[in-house]
Protein backbone atom coordinates (compact mmCIF):
# COMPACT_ATOMS: atom_id res chain seq x y z
CA MET A 1 65.67 -14.78 -81.97
CA SER A 2 64.30 -13.60 -78.36
CA ALA A 3 60.61 -13.50 -79.66
CA PHE A 4 61.25 -16.98 -81.25
CA THR A 5 61.97 -18.39 -77.63
CA ALA A 6 59.27 -16.44 -75.77
CA PHE A 7 56.99 -17.90 -78.49
CA ILE A 8 58.41 -21.60 -77.96
CA LYS A 9 58.02 -20.89 -74.20
CA LYS A 10 54.23 -19.95 -74.56
CA GLU A 11 53.56 -22.90 -76.93
CA PHE A 12 54.95 -25.57 -74.34
CA LEU A 13 53.26 -23.76 -71.53
CA GLY A 14 50.09 -24.16 -73.38
CA LEU A 15 50.64 -27.76 -74.24
CA PHE A 16 51.39 -28.64 -70.54
CA ARG A 17 48.48 -26.45 -69.34
CA SER A 18 45.94 -28.05 -71.81
CA GLY A 19 46.70 -31.77 -70.84
CA LYS A 20 47.79 -32.60 -74.50
CA ALA A 21 51.32 -33.34 -73.16
CA VAL A 22 50.00 -35.80 -70.62
CA ILE A 23 47.76 -37.53 -73.41
CA LEU A 24 50.66 -37.81 -75.68
CA LEU A 25 53.12 -39.18 -73.22
CA LEU A 26 50.42 -41.83 -72.17
CA ILE A 27 49.54 -42.63 -75.97
CA SER A 28 53.72 -42.95 -76.51
CA VAL A 29 53.84 -45.30 -73.59
CA LEU A 30 50.95 -47.37 -74.60
CA PHE A 31 52.36 -47.84 -78.17
CA GLY A 32 55.64 -48.55 -76.80
CA ILE A 33 54.60 -51.04 -74.33
CA MET A 34 51.89 -52.51 -76.47
CA ASN A 35 53.97 -54.23 -79.18
CA PRO A 36 56.55 -56.17 -77.00
CA ALA A 37 53.77 -57.30 -75.03
CA ILE A 38 51.58 -58.49 -77.83
CA ALA A 39 54.67 -60.26 -79.30
CA LYS A 40 55.34 -61.93 -76.23
CA LEU A 41 51.48 -63.11 -75.62
CA THR A 42 51.31 -64.29 -79.22
CA PRO A 43 52.49 -67.71 -78.93
CA TRP A 44 50.26 -68.43 -75.78
CA MET A 45 47.25 -67.01 -77.52
CA MET A 46 47.77 -69.35 -80.70
CA GLU A 47 48.34 -72.47 -78.33
CA SER A 48 45.00 -71.68 -76.65
CA MET A 49 43.08 -70.96 -80.06
CA ALA A 50 44.79 -74.11 -81.72
CA ASP A 51 41.95 -76.63 -80.81
CA SER A 52 39.23 -74.38 -81.73
CA MET A 53 40.88 -73.27 -85.01
CA ALA A 54 41.54 -77.21 -85.76
CA GLU A 55 37.85 -77.68 -85.70
CA THR A 56 37.34 -75.25 -88.51
CA GLY A 57 40.10 -76.85 -90.57
CA LEU A 58 43.00 -74.34 -89.64
CA VAL A 59 46.25 -75.76 -88.72
CA VAL A 60 48.41 -73.63 -86.41
CA THR A 61 52.11 -74.35 -86.49
CA ALA A 62 54.71 -72.97 -83.89
CA VAL A 63 54.63 -69.33 -83.91
CA GLU A 64 58.05 -68.00 -83.39
CA VAL A 65 58.42 -64.39 -81.66
CA ASP A 66 61.68 -62.37 -81.56
CA ALA A 67 62.78 -58.84 -81.30
CA MET A 68 62.09 -58.23 -85.03
CA THR A 69 58.38 -59.14 -84.44
CA SER A 70 58.02 -56.73 -82.03
CA TRP A 71 59.80 -53.99 -84.38
CA THR A 72 57.58 -54.93 -87.10
CA GLN A 73 54.53 -54.66 -85.00
CA PHE A 74 55.76 -51.31 -83.61
CA TYR A 75 55.98 -49.79 -87.25
CA LYS A 76 52.73 -51.09 -88.27
CA ASN A 77 51.14 -49.35 -85.24
CA ALA A 78 53.08 -46.15 -85.91
CA PRO A 79 50.66 -44.71 -88.45
CA MET A 80 47.69 -45.11 -85.83
CA ALA A 81 49.86 -43.23 -83.21
CA LEU A 82 50.57 -40.52 -86.11
CA ILE A 83 46.63 -40.37 -86.66
CA VAL A 84 45.98 -39.72 -83.16
CA PHE A 85 48.92 -36.98 -82.90
CA LEU A 86 47.42 -35.26 -86.07
CA LEU A 87 43.80 -35.28 -84.68
CA MET A 88 45.16 -33.75 -81.34
CA PHE A 89 46.93 -30.89 -82.78
CA ALA A 90 45.02 -30.29 -86.02
CA GLY A 91 43.50 -26.93 -85.06
CA ILE A 92 46.46 -25.13 -83.49
CA LEU A 93 46.64 -22.21 -85.91
CA THR A 94 42.85 -22.19 -86.48
CA SER A 95 42.10 -21.63 -82.70
CA GLU A 96 44.81 -19.19 -82.42
CA TYR A 97 43.22 -17.30 -85.33
CA GLN A 98 39.82 -17.53 -84.00
CA SER A 99 40.64 -16.41 -80.71
CA GLY A 100 42.12 -13.27 -82.23
CA THR A 101 45.96 -13.98 -80.94
CA LEU A 102 47.39 -15.07 -84.15
CA ILE A 103 46.71 -11.56 -85.96
CA GLY A 104 48.23 -9.88 -83.03
CA MET A 105 51.35 -11.75 -83.37
CA VAL A 106 51.64 -11.30 -86.93
CA THR A 107 51.04 -7.55 -86.89
CA LYS A 108 53.54 -6.87 -83.91
CA GLY A 109 56.39 -8.00 -86.24
CA ILE A 110 57.19 -11.49 -85.53
CA SER A 111 57.77 -13.02 -88.79
CA ARG A 112 55.66 -15.98 -89.87
CA TRP A 113 58.40 -18.63 -90.20
CA LYS A 114 58.98 -18.01 -86.15
CA ILE A 115 55.62 -18.59 -85.56
CA LEU A 116 55.23 -21.77 -87.92
CA ALA A 117 58.55 -22.90 -86.61
CA ALA A 118 57.44 -22.45 -82.65
CA LYS A 119 54.13 -24.55 -83.71
CA LYS A 120 55.79 -27.15 -85.41
CA SER A 121 58.83 -27.34 -83.00
CA TRP A 122 57.07 -29.53 -80.45
CA PHE A 123 55.67 -31.68 -82.94
CA SER A 124 59.13 -33.25 -83.91
């Protein structure tokens, strides 16, 4: 299991050195703050747009916002965060293969499940 822990350490070090950890943290904070903020601002935005919407024939009623509204907005935006996450980490194994480091790890005796588990461990 020492090869697995060494490989995990290498992956985390690469994650922090490349700056992807900071980007991932900022995106997570952004999506975490954005949903309650939008839920809190929605009644104010509807009140300010009610006059212009009434001119076009749309009637705006009172908007009630609670914690469930924030949760539903969060779960609607979760796929967007997942897409950003996948785009950031899509080329992990291919970049290892292109640089020639993946072949060395496989031929040195590290089992493939340890390599894939270490690559996927910081995904979850």
